[in-house]
């Protein structure tokens, strides 16, 4: 099997990047990560604070780029895997 034979489902990939960005955001903001929504009818919905959302967006883009550049682009190397 070659690295180029490995396929990653896009939704699973996005879930992974989301989880990484969410975890680092929660670690960085702690108790100030979430707040109740200020939208009418959505007051009981918890969402990122504005600052946490901005940070999350930056981290999501950073991790997305890092994974794409470091891993996915290297799947095309044609290297044989040991299994």
N, C-alpha and C. Protein backbone atom coordinates (compact mmCIF):
# COMPACT_ATOMS: atom_id res chain seq x y z
N UNK A 1 0.85 -1.18 0.00
CA UNK A 1 0.00 0.00 0.00
C UNK A 1 0.89 1.23 0.00
N UNK A 2 0.50 2.21 -0.77
CA UNK A 2 1.22 3.46 -0.85
C UNK A 2 0.45 4.55 -0.10
N UNK A 3 1.19 5.56 0.34
CA UNK A 3 0.53 6.68 1.00
C UNK A 3 -0.54 7.29 0.10
N UNK A 4 -0.29 7.30 -1.19
CA UNK A 4 -1.25 7.90 -2.11
C UNK A 4 -2.55 7.10 -2.23
N UNK A 5 -2.57 5.87 -1.68
CA UNK A 5 -3.78 5.04 -1.70
C UNK A 5 -4.72 5.38 -0.54
N UNK A 6 -4.27 6.17 0.40
CA UNK A 6 -5.07 6.52 1.58
C UNK A 6 -6.01 7.65 1.23
N UNK A 7 -7.27 7.49 1.58
CA UNK A 7 -8.29 8.51 1.33
C UNK A 7 -8.89 8.95 2.66
N UNK A 8 -9.08 10.25 2.80
CA UNK A 8 -9.65 10.81 4.02
C UNK A 8 -10.98 11.47 3.65
N UNK A 9 -12.05 11.03 4.30
CA UNK A 9 -13.37 11.63 4.08
C UNK A 9 -13.33 13.09 4.53
N UNK A 10 -13.82 13.99 3.69
CA UNK A 10 -13.75 15.42 3.98
C UNK A 10 -14.45 15.79 5.29
N UNK A 11 -15.60 15.20 5.57
CA UNK A 11 -16.32 15.54 6.80
C UNK A 11 -15.53 15.09 8.04
N UNK A 12 -14.88 13.94 7.95
CA UNK A 12 -14.06 13.45 9.08
C UNK A 12 -12.84 14.35 9.27
N UNK A 13 -12.28 14.80 8.16
CA UNK A 13 -11.14 15.71 8.21
C UNK A 13 -11.54 17.02 8.89
N UNK A 14 -12.68 17.58 8.49
CA UNK A 14 -13.16 18.83 9.07
C UNK A 14 -13.48 18.67 10.56
N UNK A 15 -14.02 17.51 10.95
CA UNK A 15 -14.28 17.24 12.37
C UNK A 15 -12.98 17.24 13.16
N UNK A 16 -11.95 16.67 12.60
CA UNK A 16 -10.65 16.62 13.26
C UNK A 16 -10.09 18.02 13.46
N UNK A 17 -10.09 18.82 12.41
CA UNK A 17 -9.58 20.18 12.49
C UNK A 17 -10.41 20.99 13.48
N UNK A 18 -11.74 20.82 13.45
CA UNK A 18 -12.62 21.51 14.38
C UNK A 18 -12.31 21.14 15.82
N UNK A 19 -12.11 19.86 16.07
CA UNK A 19 -11.83 19.41 17.43
C UNK A 19 -10.51 19.99 17.94
N UNK A 20 -9.49 20.00 17.11
CA UNK A 20 -8.22 20.60 17.51
C UNK A 20 -8.37 22.08 17.82
N UNK A 21 -9.05 22.81 16.94
CA UNK A 21 -9.24 24.25 17.14
C UNK A 21 -10.10 24.53 18.37
N UNK A 22 -11.12 23.72 18.58
CA UNK A 22 -11.97 23.91 19.75
C UNK A 22 -11.20 23.66 21.04
N UNK A 23 -10.44 22.59 21.08
CA UNK A 23 -9.68 22.27 22.30
C UNK A 23 -8.68 23.36 22.65
N UNK A 24 -7.95 23.86 21.65
CA UNK A 24 -6.96 24.90 21.94
C UNK A 24 -7.64 26.20 22.33
N UNK A 25 -8.81 26.47 21.77
CA UNK A 25 -9.57 27.67 22.14
C UNK A 25 -10.04 27.56 23.59
N UNK A 26 -10.57 26.40 23.97
CA UNK A 26 -11.03 26.20 25.35
C UNK A 26 -9.87 26.28 26.33
N UNK A 27 -8.72 25.74 25.96
CA UNK A 27 -7.55 25.82 26.84
C UNK A 27 -7.09 27.27 27.00
N UNK A 28 -7.18 28.04 25.95
CA UNK A 28 -6.71 29.42 25.98
C UNK A 28 -7.67 30.35 26.72
N UNK A 29 -8.97 30.17 26.54
CA UNK A 29 -9.96 31.09 27.11
C UNK A 29 -10.58 30.60 28.41
N UNK A 30 -10.48 29.31 28.71
CA UNK A 30 -11.04 28.79 29.95
C UNK A 30 -12.51 29.09 30.10
N UNK A 31 -12.88 29.64 31.25
CA UNK A 31 -14.29 29.93 31.55
C UNK A 31 -14.87 31.00 30.65
N UNK A 32 -14.02 31.76 29.98
CA UNK A 32 -14.49 32.84 29.10
C UNK A 32 -14.65 32.39 27.65
N UNK A 33 -14.67 31.08 27.42
CA UNK A 33 -14.79 30.56 26.05
C UNK A 33 -16.20 30.71 25.52
N UNK A 34 -17.19 30.42 26.35
CA UNK A 34 -18.59 30.37 25.90
C UNK A 34 -19.44 31.42 26.62
N UNK A 35 -20.51 31.82 25.94
CA UNK A 35 -21.51 32.72 26.52
C UNK A 35 -22.84 32.36 25.88
N UNK A 36 -23.93 32.76 26.55
CA UNK A 36 -25.24 32.53 25.97
C UNK A 36 -25.40 33.43 24.75
N UNK A 37 -26.10 32.92 23.77
CA UNK A 37 -26.35 33.68 22.54
C UNK A 37 -27.18 34.91 22.86
N UNK A 38 -26.93 35.99 22.13
CA UNK A 38 -27.72 37.22 22.30
C UNK A 38 -28.80 37.33 21.22
N UNK A 39 -28.91 36.32 20.37
CA UNK A 39 -29.92 36.33 19.32
C UNK A 39 -31.30 36.01 19.91
N UNK A 40 -32.30 36.73 19.45
CA UNK A 40 -33.67 36.53 19.92
C UNK A 40 -34.11 35.10 19.62
N UNK A 41 -34.61 34.43 20.65
CA UNK A 41 -35.07 33.05 20.51
C UNK A 41 -33.96 32.03 20.68
N UNK A 42 -32.74 32.49 20.79
CA UNK A 42 -31.59 31.58 20.95
C UNK A 42 -30.84 31.85 22.26
N UNK A 43 -31.51 32.48 23.21
CA UNK A 43 -30.85 32.91 24.45
C UNK A 43 -30.26 31.76 25.25
N UNK A 44 -30.80 30.56 25.13
CA UNK A 44 -30.30 29.42 25.91
C UNK A 44 -29.23 28.61 25.17
N UNK A 45 -28.81 29.12 24.02
CA UNK A 45 -27.78 28.43 23.23
C UNK A 45 -26.42 28.98 23.62
N UNK A 46 -25.50 28.08 23.97
CA UNK A 46 -24.14 28.50 24.30
C UNK A 46 -23.31 28.53 23.03
N UNK A 47 -22.53 29.60 22.89
CA UNK A 47 -21.67 29.73 21.73
C UNK A 47 -20.36 30.42 22.15
N UNK A 48 -19.37 30.38 21.27
CA UNK A 48 -18.13 31.07 21.58
C UNK A 48 -18.39 32.55 21.80
N UNK A 49 -17.63 33.15 22.72
CA UNK A 49 -17.65 34.60 22.83
C UNK A 49 -17.04 35.15 21.54
N UNK A 50 -17.21 36.42 21.30
CA UNK A 50 -16.67 37.01 20.07
C UNK A 50 -15.16 36.84 19.97
N UNK A 51 -14.46 37.06 21.09
CA UNK A 51 -13.00 36.91 21.10
C UNK A 51 -12.60 35.46 20.88
N UNK A 52 -13.32 34.54 21.53
CA UNK A 52 -13.01 33.12 21.37
C UNK A 52 -13.31 32.66 19.94
N UNK A 53 -14.38 33.19 19.34
CA UNK A 53 -14.71 32.82 17.95
C UNK A 53 -13.62 33.28 16.99
N UNK A 54 -13.11 34.49 17.20
CA UNK A 54 -12.02 34.99 16.35
C UNK A 54 -10.78 34.11 16.50
N UNK A 55 -10.47 33.75 17.72
CA UNK A 55 -9.31 32.89 17.99
C UNK A 55 -9.51 31.52 17.36
N UNK A 56 -10.70 30.94 17.54
CA UNK A 56 -11.03 29.65 16.95
C UNK A 56 -10.85 29.70 15.42
N UNK A 57 -11.37 30.74 14.78
CA UNK A 57 -11.26 30.86 13.33
C UNK A 57 -9.79 30.88 12.89
N UNK A 58 -8.96 31.61 13.62
CA UNK A 58 -7.53 31.66 13.30
C UNK A 58 -6.89 30.28 13.46
N UNK A 59 -7.21 29.60 14.56
CA UNK A 59 -6.63 28.29 14.81
C UNK A 59 -7.13 27.25 13.82
N UNK A 60 -8.40 27.33 13.46
CA UNK A 60 -8.94 26.39 12.47
C UNK A 60 -8.17 26.54 11.16
N UNK A 61 -8.00 27.77 10.70
CA UNK A 61 -7.26 28.01 9.46
C UNK A 61 -5.82 27.55 9.58
N UNK A 62 -5.21 27.82 10.72
CA UNK A 62 -3.82 27.42 10.96
C UNK A 62 -3.66 25.89 10.91
N UNK A 63 -4.54 25.18 11.61
CA UNK A 63 -4.45 23.71 11.63
C UNK A 63 -4.81 23.11 10.29
N UNK A 64 -5.79 23.69 9.62
CA UNK A 64 -6.17 23.22 8.29
C UNK A 64 -4.97 23.32 7.34
N UNK A 65 -4.30 24.45 7.35
CA UNK A 65 -3.13 24.64 6.49
C UNK A 65 -1.99 23.70 6.89
N UNK A 66 -1.75 23.59 8.17
CA UNK A 66 -0.67 22.74 8.66
C UNK A 66 -0.88 21.28 8.25
N UNK A 67 -2.08 20.78 8.45
CA UNK A 67 -2.38 19.39 8.10
C UNK A 67 -2.28 19.20 6.60
N UNK A 68 -2.83 20.14 5.84
CA UNK A 68 -2.76 20.02 4.39
C UNK A 68 -1.32 20.03 3.89
N UNK A 69 -0.52 20.94 4.39
CA UNK A 69 0.85 21.06 3.93
C UNK A 69 1.74 19.92 4.44
N UNK A 70 1.54 19.52 5.69
CA UNK A 70 2.42 18.53 6.30
C UNK A 70 2.06 17.09 5.99
N UNK A 71 0.79 16.81 5.88
CA UNK A 71 0.36 15.42 5.75
C UNK A 71 -0.25 15.13 4.40
N UNK A 72 -1.33 15.81 4.07
CA UNK A 72 -2.08 15.47 2.88
C UNK A 72 -1.25 15.65 1.61
N UNK A 73 -0.50 16.74 1.52
CA UNK A 73 0.32 16.94 0.33
C UNK A 73 1.40 15.88 0.21
N UNK A 74 1.83 15.32 1.34
CA UNK A 74 2.84 14.27 1.31
C UNK A 74 2.27 12.90 0.99
N UNK A 75 0.94 12.78 0.92
CA UNK A 75 0.35 11.50 0.54
C UNK A 75 0.65 11.16 -0.91
N UNK A 76 1.02 12.13 -1.66
CA UNK A 76 1.30 11.92 -3.08
C UNK A 76 2.77 11.54 -3.35
N UNK A 77 3.49 11.18 -2.31
CA UNK A 77 4.91 10.87 -2.48
C UNK A 77 5.16 9.53 -3.10
N UNK A 78 4.19 8.62 -3.03
CA UNK A 78 4.38 7.28 -3.59
C UNK A 78 5.20 6.37 -2.69
N UNK A 79 5.42 6.76 -1.45
CA UNK A 79 6.18 5.93 -0.50
C UNK A 79 5.37 4.71 -0.14
N UNK A 80 6.01 3.51 -0.15
CA UNK A 80 5.33 2.29 0.25
C UNK A 80 5.22 2.23 1.76
N UNK A 81 4.05 1.84 2.23
CA UNK A 81 3.83 1.66 3.67
C UNK A 81 4.18 0.23 4.05
N UNK A 82 4.58 0.00 5.29
CA UNK A 82 5.01 -1.35 5.71
C UNK A 82 3.87 -2.32 5.98
N UNK A 83 2.66 -2.03 5.56
CA UNK A 83 1.54 -2.96 5.77
C UNK A 83 0.74 -3.14 4.51
